[in-house]
Protein backbone atom coordinates (compact mmCIF):
# COMPACT_ATOMS: atom_id res chain seq x y z
CA UNK A 1 -17.48 11.37 -5.21
CA UNK A 2 -18.61 13.14 -2.15
CA UNK A 3 -17.50 12.42 1.10
CA UNK A 4 -21.10 11.42 2.41
CA UNK A 5 -20.26 9.84 5.82
CA UNK A 6 -17.35 10.74 8.58
CA UNK A 7 -15.03 8.21 7.63
CA UNK A 8 -11.38 8.04 8.98
CA UNK A 9 -8.61 5.66 7.28
CA UNK A 10 -6.03 4.27 9.87
CA UNK A 11 -3.02 2.51 8.08
CA UNK A 12 -0.97 0.53 10.12
CA UNK A 13 2.68 0.59 9.33
CA UNK A 14 5.37 -0.80 11.98
CA UNK A 15 9.08 -0.74 10.61
CA UNK A 16 9.98 -4.09 11.66
CA UNK A 17 9.22 -7.15 8.74
CA UNK A 18 10.07 -10.75 9.31
CA UNK A 19 10.47 -11.47 5.48
CA UNK A 20 11.40 -7.84 3.72
CA UNK A 21 13.67 -4.93 5.89
CA UNK A 22 12.08 -1.83 5.64
CA UNK A 23 9.37 -3.22 3.70
CA UNK A 24 6.97 -0.15 3.90
CA UNK A 25 9.78 2.22 2.81
CA UNK A 26 11.47 0.45 0.11
CA UNK A 27 11.71 1.97 -3.09
CA UNK A 28 8.67 0.73 -5.53
CA UNK A 29 8.94 1.74 -8.69
CA UNK A 30 10.59 5.00 -7.57
CA UNK A 31 8.16 5.69 -4.60
CA UNK A 32 8.15 4.26 -1.17
CA UNK A 33 5.94 0.96 -0.67
CA UNK A 34 3.66 3.07 1.64
CA UNK A 35 2.55 6.29 -0.23
CA UNK A 36 0.62 3.81 -2.31
CA UNK A 37 -1.57 3.19 0.18
CA UNK A 38 -1.68 6.86 1.34
CA UNK A 39 -2.40 8.38 -1.81
CA UNK A 40 -5.13 6.19 -3.15
CA UNK A 41 -6.72 6.44 0.04
CA UNK A 42 -6.71 10.33 -0.26
CA UNK A 43 -7.80 10.20 -4.01
CA UNK A 44 -10.90 7.95 -3.44
CA UNK A 45 -12.02 11.04 -1.45
CA UNK A 46 -13.57 8.71 1.17
CA UNK A 47 -12.20 9.45 4.09
CA UNK A 48 -12.17 12.69 6.02
CA UNK A 49 -9.12 11.68 7.45
CA UNK A 50 -5.69 9.15 6.70
CA UNK A 51 -3.90 8.36 9.85
CA UNK A 52 -0.65 6.12 9.63
CA UNK A 53 -0.08 4.03 13.16
CA UNK A 54 3.43 3.88 13.25
CA UNK A 55 6.23 2.92 15.54
CA UNK A 56 9.32 4.74 13.25
CA UNK A 57 10.12 8.16 12.87
CA UNK A 58 11.00 7.76 9.01
CA UNK A 59 7.65 6.12 8.07
CA UNK A 60 5.84 9.06 9.74
CA UNK A 61 8.01 11.66 8.03
CA UNK A 62 7.80 9.78 4.49
CA UNK A 63 4.02 9.34 5.65
CA UNK A 64 3.60 13.17 5.98
CA UNK A 65 5.06 13.31 2.98
CA UNK A 66 2.75 12.14 1.41
CA UNK A 67 -0.33 13.39 3.12
CA UNK A 68 -0.99 11.13 5.92
CA UNK A 69 -1.51 12.65 9.21
CA UNK A 70 0.80 10.80 11.76
CA UNK A 71 -0.48 12.30 15.25
CA UNK A 72 1.68 10.13 17.39
CA UNK A 73 4.09 7.45 17.42
CA UNK A 74 2.75 4.03 18.19
CA UNK A 75 4.61 2.26 21.33
CA UNK A 76 7.14 -0.67 20.87
CA UNK A 77 4.55 -2.38 23.05
CA UNK A 78 2.40 -2.90 19.55
CA UNK A 79 4.82 -3.21 17.12
CA UNK A 80 6.09 -6.70 17.88
CA UNK A 81 5.40 -9.68 15.20
CA UNK A 82 3.17 -11.36 17.35
CA UNK A 83 0.12 -7.92 17.74
CA UNK A 84 -3.01 -8.29 16.81
CA UNK A 85 -4.04 -5.57 14.50
CA UNK A 86 -7.20 -5.06 16.66
CA UNK A 87 -5.00 -3.92 19.27
CA UNK A 88 -3.33 -1.59 17.04
CA UNK A 89 -6.84 0.10 15.89
CA UNK A 90 -7.94 0.21 19.47
CA UNK A 91 -4.96 2.32 20.61
CA UNK A 92 -4.98 4.47 17.79
CA UNK A 93 -8.50 5.53 18.13
CA UNK A 94 -8.47 5.78 22.19
CA UNK A 95 -5.20 8.21 21.35
CA UNK A 96 -7.19 10.55 18.49
CA UNK A 97 -9.16 13.60 19.67
CA UNK A 98 -12.86 13.89 18.59
CA UNK A 99 -13.25 10.36 17.58
CA UNK A 100 -16.92 10.79 18.28
CA UNK A 101 -17.43 12.84 14.86
CA UNK A 102 -16.66 9.96 12.85
CA UNK A 103 -19.01 7.19 12.01
CA UNK A 104 -16.97 4.57 10.49
CA UNK A 105 -13.17 3.63 10.36
CA UNK A 106 -11.03 1.71 7.82
CA UNK A 107 -8.18 -0.41 7.97
CA UNK A 108 -6.12 -0.07 4.95
CA UNK A 109 -2.76 -2.59 5.00
CA UNK A 110 0.23 -0.42 3.79
CA UNK A 111 1.68 -3.67 1.34
C-alpha cells in the first residue's frame, strides 16, 4: 500500500497504570506490549511517522528500539490517571516541528 497522504501516528504510553504495573512494557509473548502497536503501525505503511508520547525513559528506549520516534518526554502534568488523551495529543502536536506538512494524525492506543 502506498502512502497517499501525509499522516502521523501518535501512540500515547505513560508509565503509570492503575491496574497492571508497567503494562506498556510488560513481556507479552516475548516482546514488550507496546512493540506490537509500533510494529503494526510501521508495517501498515500508512503513516509517514510513528511517534510515541511518553513520560518514561524506559518506554522511550523500547519504542525507539522498535522503530518509533520519541522526540521528547511528556511532562508529568500530562501523565496522570485523570488526563484526557486529547490534551496529550495536542501537546504532542504542538511540540513537533514541521507539523503543518501533515494532513492527518491518528491516535493508536498501545494496549
